[in-house]
Amino acid sequence: MLDLALQFADTVSQKADIVDVTVSELANILSEFQGSTLVSFVTSTEVRMVKKHRETKEPNPYLGARKNKYAYKIIVGFDYEKGVNRRLEKEGKTADFTAKDNWHTAVNAALSTDVRTRSKLYLRYQYQADSVLKSEYIFNGKRISKQALEPYLSSSSAYSNQGLDNPLAFQVVALDNIKQISFNGKTYRVTA
């Protein structure tokens, strides 16, 4: 399932110690996180899709498809508001951005939790201009093209609320969707 992911992760972790951890152990490691650092990770998430084709209204035959993402040179440990305001200044704009309430809230520099139940943890990360991203889509155990899924994909944020020409791409991923993560010379492979 994660052939490309494992190749990618092996490249990233060739110089790193590999430690097997549970999701709970990864949460504990990330709860101690301070400052910011470059991270690479492999995730597997269910593709966010609508139930019917946007134009034909036919039922979506791909519900349950997965997206495997391999990300390298990602920033973890940042202040979202300060980051947006720094970019606004660089673009010669008034640095008056204030983040609006969201469905998740920061626990620390690396983690967020859902506001409603505070029962699930998410890795907070930010793409950089030189971040390396690779994705593959899997349905019923086989690769499928993104083009086949496009009529059913949910729309994603354009970050228009930031007022930036070059928006800060801030995202979260549930810790239980992380398969492997590397930072500070170590690679953590999530086993359960």
N, C-alpha and C. Protein backbone atom coordinates (compact mmCIF):
# COMPACT_ATOMS: atom_id res chain seq x y z
N MET A 1 0.81 -1.19 0.00
CA MET A 1 0.00 0.00 0.00
C MET A 1 0.86 1.26 0.00
N LEU A 2 1.93 1.25 0.74
CA LEU A 2 2.73 2.46 0.87
C LEU A 2 4.10 2.31 0.20
N ASP A 3 4.14 1.70 -0.97
CA ASP A 3 5.42 1.49 -1.65
C ASP A 3 6.19 2.79 -1.83
N LEU A 4 5.55 3.79 -2.46
CA LEU A 4 6.22 5.06 -2.67
C LEU A 4 6.55 5.72 -1.34
N ALA A 5 5.64 5.58 -0.38
CA ALA A 5 5.86 6.18 0.93
C ALA A 5 7.10 5.59 1.59
N LEU A 6 7.23 4.30 1.51
CA LEU A 6 8.38 3.67 2.16
C LEU A 6 9.67 4.04 1.46
N GLN A 7 9.66 4.12 0.13
CA GLN A 7 10.85 4.57 -0.59
C GLN A 7 11.21 5.99 -0.17
N PHE A 8 10.21 6.84 -0.13
CA PHE A 8 10.43 8.23 0.25
C PHE A 8 10.94 8.32 1.69
N ALA A 9 10.29 7.59 2.59
CA ALA A 9 10.69 7.62 4.00
C ALA A 9 12.09 7.05 4.18
N ASP A 10 12.44 6.01 3.42
CA ASP A 10 13.79 5.45 3.53
C ASP A 10 14.83 6.48 3.13
N THR A 11 14.55 7.27 2.09
CA THR A 11 15.47 8.32 1.67
C THR A 11 15.65 9.34 2.78
N VAL A 12 14.55 9.74 3.40
CA VAL A 12 14.59 10.74 4.46
C VAL A 12 15.31 10.21 5.69
N SER A 13 15.10 8.93 6.00
CA SER A 13 15.58 8.41 7.27
C SER A 13 16.90 7.64 7.18
N GLN A 14 17.59 7.67 6.05
CA GLN A 14 18.82 6.90 5.92
C GLN A 14 19.84 7.27 6.98
N LYS A 15 19.85 8.53 7.40
CA LYS A 15 20.83 8.97 8.38
C LYS A 15 20.23 9.05 9.78
N ALA A 16 18.98 8.64 9.94
CA ALA A 16 18.30 8.80 11.22
C ALA A 16 18.12 7.46 11.92
N ASP A 17 18.06 7.52 13.25
CA ASP A 17 17.68 6.35 14.03
C ASP A 17 16.19 6.14 13.84
N ILE A 18 15.76 4.88 13.70
CA ILE A 18 14.34 4.59 13.54
C ILE A 18 13.82 3.98 14.83
N VAL A 19 12.74 4.56 15.35
CA VAL A 19 12.14 4.12 16.60
C VAL A 19 10.67 3.79 16.33
N ASP A 20 10.23 2.58 16.69
CA ASP A 20 8.81 2.23 16.58
C ASP A 20 8.08 2.81 17.78
N VAL A 21 6.96 3.50 17.51
CA VAL A 21 6.16 4.10 18.58
C VAL A 21 4.67 3.88 18.31
N THR A 22 3.88 3.95 19.35
CA THR A 22 2.43 3.94 19.20
C THR A 22 1.98 5.39 18.98
N VAL A 23 0.73 5.57 18.62
CA VAL A 23 0.19 6.92 18.46
C VAL A 23 0.28 7.67 19.79
N SER A 24 0.00 6.99 20.88
CA SER A 24 0.07 7.61 22.21
C SER A 24 1.50 8.05 22.54
N GLU A 25 2.47 7.22 22.22
CA GLU A 25 3.87 7.59 22.46
C GLU A 25 4.29 8.76 21.58
N LEU A 26 3.83 8.79 20.32
CA LEU A 26 4.12 9.91 19.45
C LEU A 26 3.51 11.19 20.02
N ALA A 27 2.29 11.11 20.55
CA ALA A 27 1.66 12.27 21.16
C ALA A 27 2.50 12.79 22.32
N ASN A 28 3.02 11.88 23.13
CA ASN A 28 3.87 12.29 24.26
C ASN A 28 5.14 12.98 23.78
N ILE A 29 5.76 12.44 22.73
CA ILE A 29 6.98 13.04 22.18
C ILE A 29 6.68 14.45 21.66
N LEU A 30 5.59 14.57 20.91
CA LEU A 30 5.23 15.87 20.33
C LEU A 30 4.73 16.86 21.38
N SER A 31 4.23 16.37 22.51
CA SER A 31 3.75 17.28 23.57
C SER A 31 4.91 18.02 24.22
N GLU A 32 6.12 17.49 24.08
CA GLU A 32 7.32 18.13 24.64
C GLU A 32 7.97 19.07 23.63
N PHE A 33 7.40 19.17 22.44
CA PHE A 33 7.98 19.91 21.34
C PHE A 33 8.06 21.40 21.66
N GLN A 34 9.22 21.99 21.41
CA GLN A 34 9.40 23.43 21.58
C GLN A 34 10.13 23.98 20.37
N GLY A 35 9.88 25.25 20.06
CA GLY A 35 10.55 25.87 18.93
C GLY A 35 9.97 25.37 17.62
N SER A 36 10.71 25.57 16.54
CA SER A 36 10.28 25.09 15.24
C SER A 36 11.40 24.31 14.59
N THR A 37 11.04 23.39 13.73
CA THR A 37 12.02 22.56 13.05
C THR A 37 11.44 22.01 11.75
N LEU A 38 12.34 21.54 10.89
CA LEU A 38 11.93 20.88 9.66
C LEU A 38 11.58 19.43 9.97
N VAL A 39 10.52 18.96 9.35
CA VAL A 39 10.00 17.62 9.59
C VAL A 39 9.69 16.99 8.24
N SER A 40 9.76 15.68 8.19
CA SER A 40 9.22 14.95 7.04
C SER A 40 8.27 13.90 7.59
N PHE A 41 7.25 13.56 6.81
CA PHE A 41 6.32 12.56 7.31
C PHE A 41 5.64 11.83 6.17
N VAL A 42 5.05 10.69 6.52
CA VAL A 42 4.23 9.89 5.63
C VAL A 42 2.88 9.75 6.31
N THR A 43 1.81 10.06 5.59
CA THR A 43 0.47 9.92 6.15
C THR A 43 -0.41 9.11 5.21
N SER A 44 -1.47 8.57 5.76
CA SER A 44 -2.51 7.91 4.97
C SER A 44 -3.85 8.36 5.54
N THR A 45 -4.60 9.10 4.72
CA THR A 45 -5.87 9.67 5.17
C THR A 45 -6.98 9.31 4.19
N GLU A 46 -8.21 9.30 4.69
CA GLU A 46 -9.34 9.11 3.80
C GLU A 46 -9.51 10.39 2.99
N VAL A 47 -9.74 10.26 1.71
CA VAL A 47 -9.90 11.41 0.83
C VAL A 47 -11.22 12.12 1.17
N ARG A 48 -11.14 13.44 1.34
CA ARG A 48 -12.35 14.23 1.61
C ARG A 48 -13.09 14.43 0.29
N MET A 49 -14.31 13.86 0.24
CA MET A 49 -15.08 13.91 -0.99
C MET A 49 -16.56 14.17 -0.71
N VAL A 50 -17.25 14.61 -1.75
CA VAL A 50 -18.70 14.75 -1.71
C VAL A 50 -19.32 13.41 -2.12
N LYS A 51 -20.59 13.24 -1.80
CA LYS A 51 -21.25 11.96 -2.06
C LYS A 51 -21.72 11.79 -3.49
N LYS A 52 -21.86 12.92 -4.23
CA LYS A 52 -22.35 12.85 -5.61
C LYS A 52 -21.48 13.69 -6.54
N HIS A 53 -21.39 13.25 -7.78
CA HIS A 53 -20.67 13.99 -8.83
C HIS A 53 -21.24 15.40 -8.90
N ARG A 54 -20.38 16.40 -9.00
CA ARG A 54 -20.82 17.79 -8.97
C ARG A 54 -21.77 18.14 -10.12
N GLU A 55 -21.56 17.56 -11.29
CA GLU A 55 -22.38 17.93 -12.45
C GLU A 55 -23.49 16.91 -12.73
N THR A 56 -23.14 15.63 -12.76
CA THR A 56 -24.13 14.61 -13.14
C THR A 56 -25.00 14.16 -11.98
N LYS A 57 -24.54 14.43 -10.75
CA LYS A 57 -25.25 14.02 -9.53
C LYS A 57 -25.28 12.50 -9.33
N GLU A 58 -24.46 11.78 -10.12
CA GLU A 58 -24.34 10.33 -9.94
C GLU A 58 -23.65 10.07 -8.60
N PRO A 59 -23.99 8.96 -7.93
CA PRO A 59 -23.33 8.64 -6.66
C PRO A 59 -21.82 8.47 -6.84
N ASN A 60 -21.09 8.86 -5.84
CA ASN A 60 -19.63 8.76 -5.86
C ASN A 60 -19.22 7.29 -5.69
N PRO A 61 -18.60 6.68 -6.71
CA PRO A 61 -18.19 5.28 -6.60
C PRO A 61 -16.87 5.11 -5.84
N TYR A 62 -16.22 6.20 -5.45
CA TYR A 62 -14.90 6.14 -4.85
C TYR A 62 -14.88 6.45 -3.35
N LEU A 63 -16.05 6.48 -2.72
CA LEU A 63 -16.06 6.76 -1.28
C LEU A 63 -15.19 5.73 -0.55
N GLY A 64 -14.39 6.21 0.38
CA GLY A 64 -13.47 5.32 1.10
C GLY A 64 -12.08 5.32 0.52
N ALA A 65 -11.86 6.04 -0.59
CA ALA A 65 -10.51 6.11 -1.17
C ALA A 65 -9.56 6.74 -0.15
N ARG A 66 -8.28 6.38 -0.24
CA ARG A 66 -7.26 6.90 0.67
C ARG A 66 -6.26 7.72 -0.12
N LYS A 67 -5.68 8.70 0.58
CA LYS A 67 -4.61 9.51 0.00
C LYS A 67 -3.37 9.28 0.86
N ASN A 68 -2.32 8.81 0.24
CA ASN A 68 -1.04 8.66 0.91
C ASN A 68 -0.19 9.87 0.53
N LYS A 69 0.28 10.57 1.54
CA LYS A 69 1.05 11.80 1.30
C LYS A 69 2.44 11.62 1.90
N TYR A 70 3.44 12.09 1.15
CA TYR A 70 4.82 12.04 1.59
C TYR A 70 5.33 13.46 1.54
N ALA A 71 5.62 14.02 2.69
CA ALA A 71 6.00 15.42 2.77
C ALA A 71 7.40 15.55 3.36
N TYR A 72 8.21 16.40 2.77
CA TYR A 72 9.60 16.61 3.18
C TYR A 72 9.85 18.11 3.23
N LYS A 73 10.57 18.55 4.25
CA LYS A 73 10.87 19.97 4.46
C LYS A 73 9.60 20.74 4.81
N ILE A 74 8.94 20.26 5.84
CA ILE A 74 7.73 20.86 6.37
C ILE A 74 8.10 21.49 7.71
N ILE A 75 7.51 22.63 8.04
CA ILE A 75 7.79 23.30 9.32
C ILE A 75 6.75 22.86 10.36
N VAL A 76 7.25 22.46 11.52
CA VAL A 76 6.40 22.18 12.67
C VAL A 76 6.91 23.08 13.79
N GLY A 77 5.99 23.64 14.55
CA GLY A 77 6.37 24.51 15.67
C GLY A 77 6.44 25.96 15.22
N PHE A 78 5.31 26.58 15.03
CA PHE A 78 5.26 27.95 14.52
C PHE A 78 4.06 28.65 15.13
N ASP A 79 4.10 29.95 15.11
CA ASP A 79 2.98 30.77 15.56
C ASP A 79 2.27 31.26 14.31
N TYR A 80 1.05 30.77 14.10
CA TYR A 80 0.29 31.05 12.88
C TYR A 80 0.08 32.56 12.68
N GLU A 81 -0.43 33.24 13.68
CA GLU A 81 -0.70 34.68 13.53
C GLU A 81 0.58 35.46 13.23
N LYS A 82 1.64 35.17 13.98
CA LYS A 82 2.91 35.88 13.74
C LYS A 82 3.44 35.59 12.34
N GLY A 83 3.30 34.35 11.90
CA GLY A 83 3.76 33.98 10.56
C GLY A 83 3.03 34.73 9.47
N VAL A 84 1.70 34.83 9.60
CA VAL A 84 0.91 35.57 8.61
C VAL A 84 1.28 37.05 8.65
N ASN A 85 1.41 37.61 9.85
CA ASN A 85 1.75 39.04 9.97
C ASN A 85 3.14 39.35 9.43
N ARG A 86 4.10 38.44 9.62
CA ARG A 86 5.44 38.64 9.02
C ARG A 86 5.34 38.68 7.50
N ARG A 87 4.54 37.80 6.93
CA ARG A 87 4.38 37.78 5.47
C ARG A 87 3.66 39.04 4.99
N LEU A 88 2.67 39.50 5.74
CA LEU A 88 1.98 40.74 5.37
C LEU A 88 2.97 41.90 5.32
N GLU A 89 3.85 41.98 6.32
CA GLU A 89 4.88 43.04 6.33
C GLU A 89 5.78 42.93 5.11
N LYS A 90 6.23 41.72 4.80
CA LYS A 90 7.11 41.52 3.63
C LYS A 90 6.43 41.92 2.33
N GLU A 91 5.11 41.77 2.28
CA GLU A 91 4.36 42.16 1.09
C GLU A 91 3.96 43.64 1.13
N GLY A 92 4.44 44.38 2.14
CA GLY A 92 4.15 45.80 2.25
C GLY A 92 2.72 46.11 2.66
N LYS A 93 2.10 45.18 3.38
CA LYS A 93 0.71 45.36 3.81
C LYS A 93 0.66 45.54 5.32
N THR A 94 -0.45 46.01 5.82
CA THR A 94 -0.63 46.20 7.25
C THR A 94 -0.68 44.85 7.95
N ALA A 95 0.17 44.67 8.94
CA ALA A 95 0.26 43.40 9.68
C ALA A 95 -0.74 43.40 10.82
N ASP A 96 -2.00 43.17 10.49
CA ASP A 96 -3.05 43.21 11.50
C ASP A 96 -3.91 41.93 11.50
N PHE A 97 -3.32 40.82 11.07
CA PHE A 97 -4.06 39.57 10.98
C PHE A 97 -4.31 38.98 12.37
N THR A 98 -5.54 38.56 12.59
CA THR A 98 -5.91 37.84 13.80
C THR A 98 -6.63 36.57 13.34
N ALA A 99 -6.16 35.43 13.80
CA ALA A 99 -6.77 34.16 13.42
C ALA A 99 -8.18 34.06 13.98
N LYS A 100 -9.09 33.56 13.17
CA LYS A 100 -10.47 33.35 13.61
C LYS A 100 -10.60 32.01 14.31
N ASP A 101 -11.67 31.87 15.09
CA ASP A 101 -11.93 30.59 15.74
C ASP A 101 -12.03 29.51 14.67
N ASN A 102 -11.60 28.32 15.03
CA ASN A 102 -11.54 27.21 14.09
C ASN A 102 -12.08 25.98 14.79
N TRP A 103 -12.15 24.87 14.08
CA TRP A 103 -12.60 23.61 14.67
C TRP A 103 -11.52 22.98 15.53
N HIS A 104 -10.28 23.49 15.43
CA HIS A 104 -9.18 22.96 16.25
C HIS A 104 -8.45 24.12 16.91
N THR A 105 -7.73 23.80 17.98
CA THR A 105 -6.97 24.83 18.68
C THR A 105 -5.60 24.27 19.08
N ALA A 106 -4.61 25.14 19.12
CA ALA A 106 -3.25 24.71 19.44
C ALA A 106 -3.15 24.22 20.88
N VAL A 107 -2.42 23.11 21.04
CA VAL A 107 -2.08 22.59 22.36
C VAL A 107 -0.68 23.09 22.71
N ASN A 108 0.20 23.00 21.73
CA ASN A 108 1.56 23.53 21.83
C ASN A 108 2.03 23.85 20.42
N ALA A 109 3.33 24.03 20.24
CA ALA A 109 3.86 24.41 18.93
C ALA A 109 3.66 23.33 17.87
N ALA A 110 3.48 22.07 18.29
CA ALA A 110 3.37 20.98 17.33
C ALA A 110 1.99 20.35 17.25
N LEU A 111 1.17 20.53 18.26
CA LEU A 111 -0.09 19.80 18.34
C LEU A 111 -1.30 20.72 18.42
N SER A 112 -2.41 20.25 17.84
CA SER A 112 -3.72 20.87 17.99
C SER A 112 -4.68 19.78 18.48
N THR A 113 -5.80 20.22 19.00
CA THR A 113 -6.87 19.29 19.37
C THR A 113 -8.19 19.86 18.88
N ASP A 114 -9.19 19.00 18.75
CA ASP A 114 -10.49 19.47 18.31
C ASP A 114 -11.13 20.27 19.45
N VAL A 115 -11.78 21.37 19.12
CA VAL A 115 -12.36 22.27 20.12
C VAL A 115 -13.56 21.63 20.81
N ARG A 116 -14.36 20.90 20.06
CA ARG A 116 -15.62 20.39 20.59
C ARG A 116 -15.41 19.34 21.69
N THR A 117 -14.58 18.32 21.42
CA THR A 117 -14.44 17.23 22.40
C THR A 117 -13.06 17.17 23.05
N ARG A 118 -12.08 17.84 22.42
CA ARG A 118 -10.69 17.79 22.89
C ARG A 118 -10.22 16.34 23.09
N SER A 119 -10.68 15.47 22.19
CA SER A 119 -10.39 14.04 22.32
C SER A 119 -9.40 13.50 21.29
N LYS A 120 -9.06 14.31 20.30
CA LYS A 120 -8.19 13.84 19.24
C LYS A 120 -7.06 14.85 19.04
N LEU A 121 -5.85 14.33 18.77
CA LEU A 121 -4.70 15.20 18.56
C LEU A 121 -4.29 15.22 17.10
N TYR A 122 -3.80 16.38 16.67
CA TYR A 122 -3.39 16.62 15.28
C TYR A 122 -2.01 17.25 15.26
N LEU A 123 -1.21 16.88 14.28
CA LEU A 123 0.07 17.54 14.04
C LEU A 123 -0.21 18.83 13.27
N ARG A 124 0.31 19.95 13.76
CA ARG A 124 0.18 21.26 13.10
C ARG A 124 1.41 21.43 12.21
N TYR A 125 1.21 21.71 10.93
CA TYR A 125 2.37 21.89 10.06
C TYR A 125 2.12 22.96 9.02
N GLN A 126 3.23 23.41 8.44
CA GLN A 126 3.18 24.49 7.46
C GLN A 126 4.09 24.13 6.29
N TYR A 127 3.54 24.26 5.08
CA TYR A 127 4.35 24.07 3.87
C TYR A 127 5.26 25.26 3.66
N GLN A 128 6.42 25.00 3.06
CA GLN A 128 7.36 26.05 2.65
C GLN A 128 7.41 26.07 1.13
N ALA A 129 7.99 27.10 0.56
CA ALA A 129 8.12 27.19 -0.90
C ALA A 129 8.90 26.01 -1.46
N ASP A 130 9.86 25.49 -0.68
CA ASP A 130 10.69 24.38 -1.17
C ASP A 130 10.30 23.03 -0.58
N SER A 131 9.10 22.94 0.02
CA SER A 131 8.63 21.66 0.53
C SER A 131 8.44 20.69 -0.63
N VAL A 132 8.73 19.43 -0.37
CA VAL A 132 8.56 18.38 -1.37
C VAL A 132 7.33 17.57 -0.96
N LEU A 133 6.36 17.50 -1.85
CA LEU A 133 5.12 16.78 -1.57
C LEU A 133 4.85 15.78 -2.67
N LYS A 134 4.52 14.58 -2.28
CA LYS A 134 4.12 13.56 -3.24
C LYS A 134 2.87 12.91 -2.69
N SER A 135 1.92 12.62 -3.56
CA SER A 135 0.69 11.98 -3.13
C SER A 135 0.33 10.87 -4.10
N GLU A 136 -0.33 9.86 -3.56
CA GLU A 136 -0.93 8.82 -4.39
C GLU A 136 -2.30 8.52 -3.82
N TYR A 137 -3.21 8.14 -4.69
CA TYR A 137 -4.57 7.83 -4.28
C TYR A 137 -4.80 6.34 -4.45
N ILE A 138 -5.45 5.74 -3.45
CA ILE A 138 -5.67 4.30 -3.43
C ILE A 138 -7.17 4.04 -3.26
N PHE A 139 -7.71 3.16 -4.09
CA PHE A 139 -9.10 2.74 -3.93
C PHE A 139 -9.16 1.23 -4.13
N ASN A 140 -9.76 0.52 -3.19
CA ASN A 140 -9.83 -0.94 -3.22
C ASN A 140 -8.46 -1.58 -3.42
N GLY A 141 -7.45 -1.01 -2.77
CA GLY A 141 -6.11 -1.57 -2.80
C GLY A 141 -5.30 -1.26 -4.05
N LYS A 142 -5.84 -0.47 -4.95
CA LYS A 142 -5.14 -0.14 -6.20
C LYS A 142 -4.99 1.36 -6.35
N ARG A 143 -3.92 1.77 -7.01
CA ARG A 143 -3.72 3.19 -7.29
C ARG A 143 -4.78 3.68 -8.26
N ILE A 144 -5.20 4.92 -8.04
CA ILE A 144 -6.19 5.55 -8.91
C ILE A 144 -5.71 6.97 -9.17
N SER A 145 -6.02 7.49 -10.33
CA SER A 145 -5.56 8.86 -10.66
C SER A 145 -6.38 9.90 -9.91
N LYS A 146 -5.75 11.00 -9.62
CA LYS A 146 -6.46 12.12 -8.99
C LYS A 146 -7.56 12.63 -9.92
N GLN A 147 -7.31 12.57 -11.23
CA GLN A 147 -8.29 13.05 -12.20
C GLN A 147 -9.61 12.29 -12.08
N ALA A 148 -9.55 10.98 -11.79
CA ALA A 148 -10.78 10.20 -11.63
C ALA A 148 -11.58 10.67 -10.41
N LEU A 149 -10.87 11.17 -9.40
CA LEU A 149 -11.53 11.61 -8.17
C LEU A 149 -11.98 13.07 -8.20
N GLU A 150 -11.42 13.88 -9.08
CA GLU A 150 -11.65 15.33 -9.06
C GLU A 150 -13.12 15.76 -9.04
N PRO A 151 -14.04 15.11 -9.76
CA PRO A 151 -15.44 15.56 -9.69
C PRO A 151 -16.07 15.36 -8.30
N TYR A 152 -15.38 14.63 -7.44
CA TYR A 152 -15.92 14.31 -6.12
C TYR A 152 -15.12 14.93 -4.97
N LEU A 153 -13.98 15.55 -5.25
CA LEU A 153 -13.14 16.08 -4.18
C LEU A 153 -13.78 17.29 -3.52
N SER A 154 -13.67 17.34 -2.20
CA SER A 154 -14.14 18.52 -1.45
C SER A 154 -13.20 19.67 -1.75
N SER A 155 -13.74 20.87 -1.71
CA SER A 155 -12.88 22.04 -1.96
C SER A 155 -11.98 22.26 -0.75
N SER A 156 -10.82 22.84 -1.00
CA SER A 156 -9.88 23.12 0.09
C SER A 156 -9.70 24.63 0.21
N SER A 157 -9.15 25.03 1.33
CA SER A 157 -8.98 26.45 1.62
C SER A 157 -7.99 27.11 0.67
N ALA A 158 -8.33 28.33 0.27
CA ALA A 158 -7.40 29.14 -0.52
C ALA A 158 -6.70 30.15 0.38
N TYR A 159 -6.99 30.08 1.70
CA TYR A 159 -6.37 30.96 2.71
C TYR A 159 -6.63 32.43 2.39
N SER A 160 -7.78 32.74 1.80
CA SER A 160 -8.07 34.12 1.40
C SER A 160 -8.24 35.06 2.60
N ASN A 161 -8.54 34.51 3.78
CA ASN A 161 -8.71 35.35 4.96
C ASN A 161 -7.41 35.98 5.43
N GLN A 162 -6.26 35.49 4.93
CA GLN A 162 -4.96 36.02 5.36
C GLN A 162 -4.62 37.35 4.69
N GLY A 163 -5.19 37.62 3.53
CA GLY A 163 -4.87 38.85 2.81
C GLY A 163 -3.50 38.83 2.16
N LEU A 164 -2.97 37.65 1.93
CA LEU A 164 -1.62 37.51 1.37
C LEU A 164 -1.65 37.13 -0.11
N ASP A 165 -0.65 37.62 -0.85
CA ASP A 165 -0.45 37.16 -2.22
C ASP A 165 0.15 35.76 -2.20
N ASN A 166 0.99 35.50 -1.20
CA ASN A 166 1.65 34.21 -1.01
C ASN A 166 1.22 33.67 0.36
N PRO A 167 0.05 33.00 0.43
CA PRO A 167 -0.50 32.60 1.72
C PRO A 167 0.35 31.57 2.46
N LEU A 168 0.21 31.60 3.77
CA LEU A 168 0.86 30.64 4.64
C LEU A 168 -0.02 29.39 4.66
N ALA A 169 0.48 28.30 4.12
CA ALA A 169 -0.29 27.05 4.00
C ALA A 169 -0.15 26.24 5.29
N PHE A 170 -1.10 26.44 6.18
CA PHE A 170 -1.11 25.81 7.49
C PHE A 170 -2.15 24.69 7.47
N GLN A 171 -1.75 23.50 7.90
CA GLN A 171 -2.67 22.37 7.91
C GLN A 171 -2.46 21.54 9.16
N VAL A 172 -3.38 20.61 9.37
CA VAL A 172 -3.25 19.65 10.45
C VAL A 172 -3.53 18.25 9.90
N VAL A 173 -2.95 17.25 10.55
CA VAL A 173 -3.25 15.86 10.22
C VAL A 173 -3.37 15.10 11.53
N ALA A 174 -4.38 14.25 11.63
CA ALA A 174 -4.59 13.46 12.84
C ALA A 174 -3.38 12.57 13.09
N LEU A 175 -2.96 12.49 14.35
CA LEU A 175 -1.79 11.67 14.67
C LEU A 175 -2.01 10.22 14.26
N ASP A 176 -3.24 9.72 14.34
CA ASP A 176 -3.47 8.31 13.98
C ASP A 176 -3.41 8.08 12.47
N ASN A 177 -3.25 9.14 11.67
CA ASN A 177 -3.03 9.00 10.22
C ASN A 177 -1.56 9.08 9.84
N ILE A 178 -0.69 9.36 10.80
CA ILE A 178 0.74 9.44 10.53
C ILE A 178 1.33 8.03 10.58
N LYS A 179 2.03 7.67 9.53
CA LYS A 179 2.68 6.35 9.45
C LYS A 179 4.14 6.44 9.85
N GLN A 180 4.76 7.57 9.55
CA GLN A 180 6.18 7.78 9.87
C GLN A 180 6.44 9.27 9.91
N ILE A 181 7.30 9.70 10.85
CA ILE A 181 7.65 11.10 10.95
C ILE A 181 9.11 11.20 11.36
N SER A 182 9.85 12.12 10.75
CA SER A 182 11.28 12.30 11.04
C SER A 182 11.56 13.73 11.41
N PHE A 183 12.30 13.91 12.51
CA PHE A 183 12.78 15.24 12.91
C PHE A 183 13.87 15.08 13.94
N ASN A 184 14.72 16.08 14.01
CA ASN A 184 15.83 16.10 14.97
C ASN A 184 16.67 14.82 14.96
N GLY A 185 16.92 14.29 13.77
CA GLY A 185 17.80 13.13 13.63
C GLY A 185 17.18 11.79 13.96
N LYS A 186 15.88 11.75 14.23
CA LYS A 186 15.21 10.49 14.52
C LYS A 186 14.01 10.31 13.62
N THR A 187 13.72 9.05 13.32
CA THR A 187 12.53 8.71 12.58
C THR A 187 11.66 7.86 13.48
N TYR A 188 10.41 8.25 13.59
CA TYR A 188 9.43 7.52 14.39
C TYR A 188 8.47 6.81 13.44
N ARG A 189 8.44 5.49 13.54
CA ARG A 189 7.51 4.70 12.71
C ARG A 189 6.35 4.32 13.61
N VAL A 190 5.14 4.75 13.24
CA VAL A 190 3.96 4.53 14.07
C VAL A 190 3.43 3.12 13.80
N THR A 191 3.37 2.32 14.88
CA THR A 191 3.03 0.92 14.74
C THR A 191 1.59 0.61 15.10
N ALA A 192 0.97 1.41 15.91
CA ALA A 192 -0.45 1.14 16.27
C ALA A 192 -1.07 2.38 16.84
